[in-house]
Amino acid sequence: MYNFNTQVFVSFDLETTGLKPDLGDRIIEIAAIPIFNGKIKRKYEFHTLINPKIKIPVEGSQFHKLNNKDIENAPTIIEIFPKFKEYISNTILVSHNAKMDMLFLDVAAKESGILPIENYYIDTLEIAKTLLEKGPYSLEYLSKKFNIYIGKSHRAYEDALMTAKLFLIFLNKFGLKSLGDFIKKWRG
């Protein structure tokens, strides 16, 4: 179904003002790192802060360490989302807890006035819960377990990079066919 040698995967992560896009929480950071032919291609990465035009709650800032001053001069989602959608075109997205991130991207598409993302995606959290014997299954825990932790988490770039590395570990550990079974189409 997929030629893993020619298919570009894009590991991505978002930081947000909270966890509920349907209740007004918005994206404040996007990072994406391509994976091609079994290698992470950092030269072609995508990373930006985003001004959501709402305040970041203190609870959120404590989690990802971004505050309102950090994003006050950042571009808006209306400026960034079309560029991000073009960047990920014809790729399979890789995310840890993909449904959460994809729901935020659906809201971003709506606010930007363009069609939602309809990429195929693969969720490293789903892979971990299905193929690993026991948890916990958090990105931080798994990154430490597989010695790919880069010293900080809960920022989009670092989490996207750890997710990319985790995906490659799973690819080597479980093989192409097993992981192919986890690829799904997002229909926002």
N, C-alpha and C. Protein backbone atom coordinates (compact mmCIF):
# COMPACT_ATOMS: atom_id res chain seq x y z
N MET A 1 0.82 -1.19 0.00
CA MET A 1 0.00 0.00 0.00
C MET A 1 0.87 1.27 0.00
N TYR A 2 1.89 1.29 0.86
CA TYR A 2 2.78 2.44 0.93
C TYR A 2 4.19 1.97 0.65
N ASN A 3 4.94 2.77 -0.08
CA ASN A 3 6.35 2.49 -0.26
C ASN A 3 7.10 3.32 0.78
N PHE A 4 7.50 2.68 1.85
CA PHE A 4 8.12 3.39 2.96
C PHE A 4 9.47 4.00 2.56
N ASN A 5 10.04 3.55 1.44
CA ASN A 5 11.31 4.11 1.00
C ASN A 5 11.15 5.43 0.25
N THR A 6 9.98 5.66 -0.32
CA THR A 6 9.76 6.90 -1.06
C THR A 6 8.73 7.82 -0.40
N GLN A 7 8.04 7.33 0.60
CA GLN A 7 7.01 8.12 1.28
C GLN A 7 7.65 9.08 2.29
N VAL A 8 7.22 10.33 2.26
CA VAL A 8 7.67 11.29 3.26
C VAL A 8 6.69 11.28 4.42
N PHE A 9 7.21 11.09 5.60
CA PHE A 9 6.44 11.20 6.83
C PHE A 9 6.81 12.54 7.47
N VAL A 10 5.88 13.14 8.17
CA VAL A 10 6.18 14.38 8.89
C VAL A 10 5.72 14.22 10.33
N SER A 11 6.70 14.18 11.22
CA SER A 11 6.41 14.15 12.65
C SER A 11 6.10 15.58 13.08
N PHE A 12 4.99 15.76 13.77
CA PHE A 12 4.65 17.12 14.18
C PHE A 12 4.07 17.13 15.58
N ASP A 13 4.12 18.32 16.17
CA ASP A 13 3.53 18.52 17.49
C ASP A 13 3.06 19.96 17.59
N LEU A 14 2.06 20.15 18.43
CA LEU A 14 1.50 21.47 18.69
C LEU A 14 1.60 21.78 20.17
N GLU A 15 1.74 23.05 20.49
CA GLU A 15 1.48 23.51 21.86
C GLU A 15 0.26 24.41 21.74
N THR A 16 -0.57 24.38 22.77
CA THR A 16 -1.85 25.08 22.71
C THR A 16 -2.12 25.82 24.02
N THR A 17 -3.14 26.66 24.00
CA THR A 17 -3.51 27.40 25.21
C THR A 17 -4.19 26.49 26.23
N GLY A 18 -4.68 25.36 25.81
CA GLY A 18 -5.36 24.40 26.67
C GLY A 18 -5.67 23.15 25.87
N LEU A 19 -6.54 22.31 26.39
CA LEU A 19 -6.79 21.02 25.75
C LEU A 19 -8.13 20.91 25.02
N LYS A 20 -8.88 22.00 24.93
CA LYS A 20 -10.24 21.91 24.38
C LYS A 20 -10.45 22.92 23.25
N PRO A 21 -10.16 22.50 22.01
CA PRO A 21 -10.34 23.43 20.90
C PRO A 21 -11.79 23.85 20.70
N ASP A 22 -12.72 22.96 21.03
CA ASP A 22 -14.14 23.27 20.90
C ASP A 22 -14.61 24.31 21.91
N LEU A 23 -13.82 24.55 22.96
CA LEU A 23 -14.17 25.55 23.96
C LEU A 23 -13.27 26.79 23.89
N GLY A 24 -12.55 26.95 22.77
CA GLY A 24 -11.80 28.17 22.55
C GLY A 24 -10.30 28.09 22.69
N ASP A 25 -9.76 26.94 23.09
CA ASP A 25 -8.30 26.82 23.16
C ASP A 25 -7.73 26.81 21.75
N ARG A 26 -6.53 27.39 21.59
CA ARG A 26 -5.94 27.56 20.27
C ARG A 26 -4.47 27.19 20.25
N ILE A 27 -3.94 26.98 19.04
CA ILE A 27 -2.54 26.62 18.81
C ILE A 27 -1.65 27.84 19.06
N ILE A 28 -0.53 27.61 19.77
CA ILE A 28 0.45 28.67 19.97
C ILE A 28 1.84 28.30 19.45
N GLU A 29 2.03 27.05 19.05
CA GLU A 29 3.31 26.63 18.47
C GLU A 29 3.09 25.40 17.61
N ILE A 30 3.73 25.39 16.45
CA ILE A 30 3.72 24.22 15.56
C ILE A 30 5.17 23.89 15.23
N ALA A 31 5.49 22.60 15.29
CA ALA A 31 6.79 22.12 14.81
C ALA A 31 6.56 20.85 14.02
N ALA A 32 7.28 20.72 12.92
CA ALA A 32 7.16 19.54 12.07
C ALA A 32 8.53 19.19 11.50
N ILE A 33 8.82 17.90 11.52
CA ILE A 33 10.13 17.42 11.08
C ILE A 33 9.92 16.25 10.12
N PRO A 34 10.42 16.37 8.88
CA PRO A 34 10.21 15.29 7.92
C PRO A 34 11.12 14.09 8.18
N ILE A 35 10.59 12.94 7.79
CA ILE A 35 11.32 11.67 7.86
C ILE A 35 11.24 11.07 6.46
N PHE A 36 12.39 10.77 5.88
CA PHE A 36 12.41 10.20 4.54
C PHE A 36 13.44 9.10 4.49
N ASN A 37 13.03 7.97 3.94
CA ASN A 37 13.94 6.83 3.75
C ASN A 37 14.62 6.43 5.06
N GLY A 38 13.83 6.46 6.15
CA GLY A 38 14.34 6.02 7.44
C GLY A 38 15.23 7.01 8.16
N LYS A 39 15.27 8.26 7.68
CA LYS A 39 16.13 9.27 8.31
C LYS A 39 15.35 10.56 8.59
N ILE A 40 15.67 11.17 9.72
CA ILE A 40 15.09 12.45 10.09
C ILE A 40 15.82 13.54 9.30
N LYS A 41 15.06 14.39 8.63
CA LYS A 41 15.63 15.44 7.77
C LYS A 41 15.41 16.81 8.40
N ARG A 42 16.22 17.13 9.40
CA ARG A 42 16.04 18.39 10.15
C ARG A 42 16.27 19.62 9.29
N LYS A 43 16.99 19.47 8.23
CA LYS A 43 17.26 20.59 7.33
C LYS A 43 15.95 21.18 6.76
N TYR A 44 14.91 20.36 6.68
CA TYR A 44 13.65 20.78 6.05
C TYR A 44 12.52 20.99 7.06
N GLU A 45 12.85 21.18 8.31
CA GLU A 45 11.83 21.28 9.36
C GLU A 45 11.01 22.57 9.25
N PHE A 46 9.88 22.55 9.93
CA PHE A 46 8.95 23.69 9.99
C PHE A 46 8.71 23.97 11.47
N HIS A 47 8.91 25.23 11.88
CA HIS A 47 8.71 25.55 13.29
C HIS A 47 8.35 27.02 13.44
N THR A 48 7.30 27.29 14.19
CA THR A 48 6.91 28.67 14.44
C THR A 48 6.05 28.78 15.70
N LEU A 49 6.18 29.92 16.35
CA LEU A 49 5.22 30.29 17.38
C LEU A 49 4.03 30.93 16.67
N ILE A 50 2.88 30.96 17.35
CA ILE A 50 1.66 31.53 16.78
C ILE A 50 0.97 32.38 17.82
N ASN A 51 0.53 33.55 17.42
CA ASN A 51 -0.27 34.40 18.30
C ASN A 51 -1.73 34.00 18.13
N PRO A 52 -2.33 33.42 19.18
CA PRO A 52 -3.71 32.93 19.06
C PRO A 52 -4.77 34.02 19.24
N LYS A 53 -4.31 35.23 19.55
CA LYS A 53 -5.21 36.37 19.80
C LYS A 53 -6.09 36.16 21.03
N ILE A 54 -5.65 35.25 21.90
CA ILE A 54 -6.26 35.08 23.22
C ILE A 54 -5.11 34.91 24.21
N LYS A 55 -5.41 35.09 25.47
CA LYS A 55 -4.38 34.95 26.51
C LYS A 55 -4.10 33.47 26.80
N ILE A 56 -2.86 33.20 27.11
CA ILE A 56 -2.47 31.85 27.54
C ILE A 56 -2.75 31.74 29.03
N PRO A 57 -3.58 30.79 29.45
CA PRO A 57 -3.82 30.63 30.89
C PRO A 57 -2.54 30.23 31.63
N VAL A 58 -2.46 30.58 32.89
CA VAL A 58 -1.29 30.27 33.71
C VAL A 58 -1.02 28.77 33.71
N GLU A 59 -2.08 27.95 33.80
CA GLU A 59 -1.89 26.50 33.82
C GLU A 59 -1.17 26.02 32.57
N GLY A 60 -1.52 26.58 31.43
CA GLY A 60 -0.87 26.22 30.17
C GLY A 60 0.59 26.64 30.16
N SER A 61 0.85 27.86 30.60
CA SER A 61 2.22 28.37 30.64
C SER A 61 3.10 27.51 31.53
N GLN A 62 2.56 27.03 32.62
CA GLN A 62 3.34 26.17 33.52
C GLN A 62 3.71 24.87 32.83
N PHE A 63 2.87 24.42 31.93
CA PHE A 63 3.08 23.15 31.24
C PHE A 63 4.15 23.28 30.14
N HIS A 64 3.97 24.22 29.23
CA HIS A 64 4.88 24.34 28.09
C HIS A 64 5.86 25.50 28.19
N LYS A 65 5.76 26.29 29.24
CA LYS A 65 6.70 27.39 29.52
C LYS A 65 6.63 28.53 28.49
N LEU A 66 5.55 28.61 27.74
CA LEU A 66 5.33 29.74 26.83
C LEU A 66 4.38 30.71 27.52
N ASN A 67 4.66 32.00 27.39
CA ASN A 67 3.76 32.98 27.99
C ASN A 67 3.31 33.98 26.94
N ASN A 68 2.45 34.89 27.33
CA ASN A 68 1.86 35.84 26.39
C ASN A 68 2.90 36.72 25.72
N LYS A 69 3.96 37.06 26.44
CA LYS A 69 5.02 37.89 25.86
C LYS A 69 5.75 37.14 24.74
N ASP A 70 5.92 35.83 24.91
CA ASP A 70 6.61 35.01 23.90
C ASP A 70 5.91 35.05 22.54
N ILE A 71 4.59 35.16 22.56
CA ILE A 71 3.82 35.03 21.32
C ILE A 71 3.24 36.35 20.80
N GLU A 72 3.45 37.44 21.53
CA GLU A 72 2.75 38.68 21.16
C GLU A 72 3.11 39.19 19.77
N ASN A 73 4.31 38.93 19.27
CA ASN A 73 4.69 39.38 17.93
C ASN A 73 4.73 38.24 16.91
N ALA A 74 4.23 37.08 17.29
CA ALA A 74 4.22 35.93 16.39
C ALA A 74 3.10 36.08 15.36
N PRO A 75 3.22 35.42 14.21
CA PRO A 75 2.15 35.46 13.23
C PRO A 75 0.90 34.74 13.74
N THR A 76 -0.23 35.01 13.14
CA THR A 76 -1.50 34.37 13.54
C THR A 76 -1.67 33.05 12.79
N ILE A 77 -2.62 32.27 13.23
CA ILE A 77 -2.91 31.00 12.57
C ILE A 77 -3.38 31.22 11.14
N ILE A 78 -4.04 32.33 10.88
CA ILE A 78 -4.50 32.63 9.52
C ILE A 78 -3.31 32.80 8.58
N GLU A 79 -2.20 33.31 9.09
CA GLU A 79 -0.98 33.44 8.29
C GLU A 79 -0.23 32.11 8.17
N ILE A 80 -0.24 31.33 9.23
CA ILE A 80 0.59 30.12 9.29
C ILE A 80 -0.09 28.88 8.72
N PHE A 81 -1.37 28.71 8.99
CA PHE A 81 -2.00 27.44 8.62
C PHE A 81 -1.91 27.11 7.13
N PRO A 82 -2.16 28.05 6.22
CA PRO A 82 -2.02 27.70 4.80
C PRO A 82 -0.60 27.23 4.44
N LYS A 83 0.41 27.84 5.05
CA LYS A 83 1.80 27.43 4.80
C LYS A 83 2.05 26.02 5.35
N PHE A 84 1.50 25.76 6.55
CA PHE A 84 1.68 24.44 7.15
C PHE A 84 0.97 23.38 6.32
N LYS A 85 -0.24 23.67 5.87
CA LYS A 85 -0.99 22.70 5.06
C LYS A 85 -0.24 22.37 3.78
N GLU A 86 0.34 23.38 3.16
CA GLU A 86 1.15 23.16 1.95
C GLU A 86 2.39 22.33 2.28
N TYR A 87 3.03 22.63 3.40
CA TYR A 87 4.24 21.92 3.83
C TYR A 87 3.98 20.43 4.01
N ILE A 88 2.83 20.07 4.54
CA ILE A 88 2.54 18.65 4.82
C ILE A 88 1.81 17.95 3.69
N SER A 89 1.56 18.64 2.57
CA SER A 89 0.82 18.00 1.48
C SER A 89 1.59 16.77 0.99
N ASN A 90 0.85 15.74 0.68
CA ASN A 90 1.39 14.46 0.18
C ASN A 90 2.30 13.75 1.17
N THR A 91 2.12 14.02 2.46
CA THR A 91 2.90 13.32 3.48
C THR A 91 1.97 12.53 4.39
N ILE A 92 2.54 11.60 5.11
CA ILE A 92 1.82 10.91 6.18
C ILE A 92 2.28 11.55 7.48
N LEU A 93 1.33 12.05 8.24
CA LEU A 93 1.64 12.73 9.50
C LEU A 93 1.92 11.72 10.60
N VAL A 94 2.84 12.05 11.46
CA VAL A 94 3.20 11.22 12.61
C VAL A 94 3.04 12.09 13.85
N SER A 95 2.26 11.60 14.81
CA SER A 95 2.02 12.37 16.03
C SER A 95 1.83 11.43 17.20
N HIS A 96 2.10 11.94 18.39
CA HIS A 96 1.85 11.18 19.62
C HIS A 96 0.55 11.75 20.20
N ASN A 97 -0.52 10.98 20.15
CA ASN A 97 -1.88 11.41 20.47
C ASN A 97 -2.42 12.27 19.33
N ALA A 98 -2.43 11.67 18.15
CA ALA A 98 -2.74 12.37 16.91
C ALA A 98 -4.12 13.01 16.90
N LYS A 99 -5.12 12.35 17.44
CA LYS A 99 -6.48 12.89 17.36
C LYS A 99 -6.57 14.27 18.01
N MET A 100 -5.90 14.46 19.12
CA MET A 100 -5.92 15.77 19.79
C MET A 100 -5.33 16.84 18.86
N ASP A 101 -4.16 16.56 18.30
CA ASP A 101 -3.53 17.54 17.41
C ASP A 101 -4.37 17.79 16.16
N MET A 102 -4.95 16.74 15.61
CA MET A 102 -5.74 16.89 14.39
C MET A 102 -7.01 17.72 14.64
N LEU A 103 -7.60 17.59 15.81
CA LEU A 103 -8.77 18.41 16.13
C LEU A 103 -8.41 19.89 16.17
N PHE A 104 -7.24 20.20 16.72
CA PHE A 104 -6.78 21.60 16.72
C PHE A 104 -6.52 22.09 15.28
N LEU A 105 -6.00 21.22 14.43
CA LEU A 105 -5.77 21.61 13.04
C LEU A 105 -7.09 21.83 12.30
N ASP A 106 -8.11 21.06 12.65
CA ASP A 106 -9.44 21.28 12.05
C ASP A 106 -9.96 22.68 12.37
N VAL A 107 -9.80 23.11 13.62
CA VAL A 107 -10.24 24.45 14.03
C VAL A 107 -9.40 25.50 13.30
N ALA A 108 -8.10 25.26 13.18
CA ALA A 108 -7.23 26.20 12.48
C ALA A 108 -7.65 26.34 11.02
N ALA A 109 -8.02 25.25 10.39
CA ALA A 109 -8.48 25.30 9.00
C ALA A 109 -9.74 26.15 8.89
N LYS A 110 -10.67 25.91 9.77
CA LYS A 110 -11.93 26.66 9.75
C LYS A 110 -11.68 28.15 9.95
N GLU A 111 -10.84 28.48 10.92
CA GLU A 111 -10.53 29.89 11.18
C GLU A 111 -9.77 30.54 10.03
N SER A 112 -9.01 29.73 9.28
CA SER A 112 -8.24 30.25 8.16
C SER A 112 -9.07 30.32 6.87
N GLY A 113 -10.25 29.73 6.91
CA GLY A 113 -11.12 29.76 5.74
C GLY A 113 -10.70 28.83 4.63
N ILE A 114 -9.98 27.75 4.98
CA ILE A 114 -9.58 26.79 3.96
C ILE A 114 -10.02 25.39 4.38
N LEU A 115 -10.00 24.49 3.43
CA LEU A 115 -10.44 23.13 3.71
C LEU A 115 -9.55 22.46 4.74
N PRO A 116 -10.12 21.58 5.55
CA PRO A 116 -9.31 20.91 6.57
C PRO A 116 -8.30 19.93 5.96
N ILE A 117 -7.37 19.54 6.78
CA ILE A 117 -6.36 18.56 6.39
C ILE A 117 -7.04 17.20 6.22
N GLU A 118 -6.63 16.50 5.17
CA GLU A 118 -7.15 15.15 4.93
C GLU A 118 -6.01 14.17 4.72
N ASN A 119 -4.89 14.42 5.36
CA ASN A 119 -3.73 13.54 5.23
C ASN A 119 -3.99 12.19 5.89
N TYR A 120 -3.17 11.23 5.49
CA TYR A 120 -3.06 10.01 6.26
C TYR A 120 -2.19 10.34 7.46
N TYR A 121 -2.39 9.59 8.54
CA TYR A 121 -1.60 9.83 9.75
C TYR A 121 -1.36 8.52 10.47
N ILE A 122 -0.36 8.55 11.34
CA ILE A 122 -0.04 7.41 12.19
C ILE A 122 0.24 7.95 13.59
N ASP A 123 -0.28 7.26 14.58
CA ASP A 123 -0.22 7.74 15.96
C ASP A 123 0.72 6.85 16.77
N THR A 124 1.85 7.42 17.22
CA THR A 124 2.81 6.64 18.00
C THR A 124 2.23 6.23 19.35
N LEU A 125 1.28 6.98 19.88
CA LEU A 125 0.63 6.58 21.13
C LEU A 125 -0.19 5.30 20.91
N GLU A 126 -0.93 5.24 19.82
CA GLU A 126 -1.72 4.05 19.50
C GLU A 126 -0.82 2.85 19.27
N ILE A 127 0.29 3.06 18.58
CA ILE A 127 1.25 1.97 18.36
C ILE A 127 1.77 1.45 19.69
N ALA A 128 2.18 2.37 20.57
CA ALA A 128 2.73 1.98 21.87
C ALA A 128 1.70 1.20 22.68
N LYS A 129 0.46 1.68 22.74
CA LYS A 129 -0.57 1.00 23.53
C LYS A 129 -0.90 -0.38 22.97
N THR A 130 -0.75 -0.55 21.67
CA THR A 130 -1.10 -1.83 21.04
C THR A 130 0.07 -2.82 21.04
N LEU A 131 1.28 -2.34 20.77
CA LEU A 131 2.39 -3.26 20.54
C LEU A 131 3.39 -3.39 21.69
N LEU A 132 3.37 -2.46 22.62
CA LEU A 132 4.27 -2.59 23.76
C LEU A 132 3.55 -3.33 24.89
N GLU A 133 4.30 -4.09 25.67
CA GLU A 133 3.70 -4.91 26.71
C GLU A 133 3.03 -4.10 27.81
N LYS A 134 3.67 -3.00 28.24
CA LYS A 134 3.09 -2.22 29.32
C LYS A 134 3.50 -0.77 29.22
N GLY A 135 2.74 0.09 29.89
CA GLY A 135 2.99 1.52 29.88
C GLY A 135 3.86 1.92 31.05
N PRO A 136 3.90 3.17 31.36
CA PRO A 136 3.10 4.24 30.76
C PRO A 136 3.49 4.51 29.32
N TYR A 137 2.63 5.24 28.62
CA TYR A 137 2.79 5.47 27.19
C TYR A 137 3.02 6.93 26.83
N SER A 138 3.31 7.77 27.81
CA SER A 138 3.56 9.18 27.51
C SER A 138 4.81 9.30 26.64
N LEU A 139 4.87 10.35 25.86
CA LEU A 139 6.04 10.58 25.01
C LEU A 139 7.30 10.71 25.85
N GLU A 140 7.21 11.41 26.95
CA GLU A 140 8.38 11.59 27.80
C GLU A 140 8.86 10.24 28.34
N TYR A 141 7.95 9.43 28.86
CA TYR A 141 8.33 8.12 29.40
C TYR A 141 8.96 7.24 28.31
N LEU A 142 8.30 7.15 27.15
CA LEU A 142 8.81 6.30 26.08
C LEU A 142 10.16 6.81 25.56
N SER A 143 10.32 8.13 25.51
CA SER A 143 11.59 8.69 25.05
C SER A 143 12.73 8.34 26.00
N LYS A 144 12.44 8.36 27.28
CA LYS A 144 13.45 7.96 28.26
C LYS A 144 13.71 6.45 28.17
N LYS A 145 12.66 5.67 28.00
CA LYS A 145 12.79 4.22 27.91
C LYS A 145 13.67 3.81 26.73
N PHE A 146 13.51 4.50 25.61
CA PHE A 146 14.26 4.15 24.40
C PHE A 146 15.51 5.03 24.20
N ASN A 147 15.90 5.77 25.23
CA ASN A 147 17.11 6.60 25.21
C ASN A 147 17.13 7.63 24.08
N ILE A 148 15.98 8.26 23.85
CA ILE A 148 15.92 9.32 22.84
C ILE A 148 15.43 10.64 23.45
N TYR A 149 15.34 10.67 24.76
CA TYR A 149 14.89 11.89 25.45
C TYR A 149 15.93 12.98 25.26
N ILE A 150 15.50 14.18 24.90
CA ILE A 150 16.47 15.23 24.59
C ILE A 150 16.54 16.30 25.68
N GLY A 151 16.09 15.97 26.87
CA GLY A 151 16.30 16.87 28.00
C GLY A 151 15.16 17.79 28.32
N LYS A 152 14.23 17.94 27.42
CA LYS A 152 13.04 18.69 27.76
C LYS A 152 11.89 18.21 26.90
N SER A 153 10.70 18.44 27.40
CA SER A 153 9.51 18.04 26.65
C SER A 153 8.44 19.11 26.88
N HIS A 154 7.35 18.92 26.21
CA HIS A 154 6.22 19.85 26.26
C HIS A 154 6.53 21.17 25.56
N ARG A 155 7.38 21.10 24.56
CA ARG A 155 7.54 22.16 23.57
C ARG A 155 7.44 21.47 22.23
N ALA A 156 6.83 22.14 21.28
CA ALA A 156 6.49 21.50 20.01
C ALA A 156 7.70 20.92 19.29
N TYR A 157 8.80 21.67 19.21
CA TYR A 157 9.94 21.18 18.44
C TYR A 157 10.55 19.93 19.08
N GLU A 158 10.82 20.00 20.36
CA GLU A 158 11.43 18.85 21.05
C GLU A 158 10.51 17.63 20.98
N ASP A 159 9.22 17.84 21.18
CA ASP A 159 8.29 16.71 21.13
C ASP A 159 8.16 16.14 19.72
N ALA A 160 8.19 16.99 18.69
CA ALA A 160 8.15 16.50 17.31
C ALA A 160 9.40 15.68 17.00
N LEU A 161 10.55 16.13 17.49
CA LEU A 161 11.79 15.40 17.26
C LEU A 161 11.77 14.05 17.99
N MET A 162 11.32 14.03 19.24
CA MET A 162 11.25 12.76 19.97
C MET A 162 10.23 11.82 19.32
N THR A 163 9.13 12.37 18.82
CA THR A 163 8.13 11.54 18.14
C THR A 163 8.71 10.94 16.88
N ALA A 164 9.48 11.72 16.13
CA ALA A 164 10.13 11.21 14.91
C ALA A 164 11.08 10.05 15.27
N LYS A 165 11.87 10.24 16.31
CA LYS A 165 12.81 9.20 16.73
C LYS A 165 12.06 7.95 17.23
N LEU A 166 10.97 8.16 17.97
CA LEU A 166 10.17 7.04 18.45
C LEU A 166 9.56 6.28 17.27
N PHE A 167 9.06 7.00 16.27
CA PHE A 167 8.50 6.37 15.08
C PHE A 167 9.54 5.49 14.40
N LEU A 168 10.77 5.97 14.27
CA LEU A 168 11.83 5.18 13.64
C LEU A 168 12.18 3.95 14.48
N ILE A 169 12.15 4.09 15.79
CA ILE A 169 12.39 2.93 16.66
C ILE A 169 11.29 1.89 16.44
N PHE A 170 10.05 2.34 16.40
CA PHE A 170 8.93 1.42 16.16
C PHE A 170 9.05 0.78 14.77
N LEU A 171 9.46 1.55 13.79
CA LEU A 171 9.63 1.04 12.44
C LEU A 171 10.66 -0.09 12.43
N ASN A 172 11.78 0.12 13.12
CA ASN A 172 12.82 -0.91 13.20
C ASN A 172 12.40 -2.10 14.06
N LYS A 173 11.67 -1.83 15.13
CA LYS A 173 11.29 -2.88 16.09
C LYS A 173 10.16 -3.77 15.56
N PHE A 174 9.17 -3.15 14.91
CA PHE A 174 7.97 -3.90 14.53
C PHE A 174 7.83 -4.13 13.04
N GLY A 175 8.60 -3.45 12.23
CA GLY A 175 8.58 -3.67 10.79
C GLY A 175 7.53 -2.85 10.05
N LEU A 176 7.73 -2.79 8.74
CA LEU A 176 6.87 -1.98 7.88
C LEU A 176 5.42 -2.43 7.87
N LYS A 177 5.23 -3.74 7.76
CA LYS A 177 3.85 -4.24 7.64
C LYS A 177 3.05 -3.94 8.90
N SER A 178 3.63 -4.17 10.05
CA SER A 178 2.91 -3.91 11.31
C SER A 178 2.53 -2.45 11.44
N LEU A 179 3.43 -1.55 11.12
CA LEU A 179 3.13 -0.12 11.25
C LEU A 179 2.15 0.35 10.19
N GLY A 180 2.22 -0.26 9.02
CA GLY A 180 1.28 0.10 7.95
C GLY A 180 -0.17 -0.08 8.38
N ASP A 181 -0.40 -1.04 9.25
CA ASP A 181 -1.76 -1.30 9.75
C ASP A 181 -2.30 -0.15 10.60
N PHE A 182 -1.41 0.73 11.08
CA PHE A 182 -1.83 1.85 11.93
C PHE A 182 -2.10 3.14 11.16
N ILE A 183 -1.81 3.14 9.87
CA ILE A 183 -2.02 4.35 9.07
C ILE A 183 -3.51 4.53 8.79
N LYS A 184 -4.00 5.73 9.10
CA LYS A 184 -5.42 6.04 8.93
C LYS A 184 -5.56 7.35 8.16
N LYS A 185 -6.71 7.53 7.59
CA LYS A 185 -7.01 8.78 6.87
C LYS A 185 -7.78 9.71 7.82
N TRP A 186 -7.31 10.95 7.94
CA TRP A 186 -8.03 11.95 8.74
C TRP A 186 -9.09 12.60 7.89
N ARG A 187 -10.28 12.64 8.41
CA ARG A 187 -11.38 13.29 7.71
C ARG A 187 -11.99 14.30 8.66
N GLY A 188 -11.37 15.48 8.67
CA GLY A 188 -11.72 16.54 9.60
C GLY A 188 -13.16 16.98 9.58
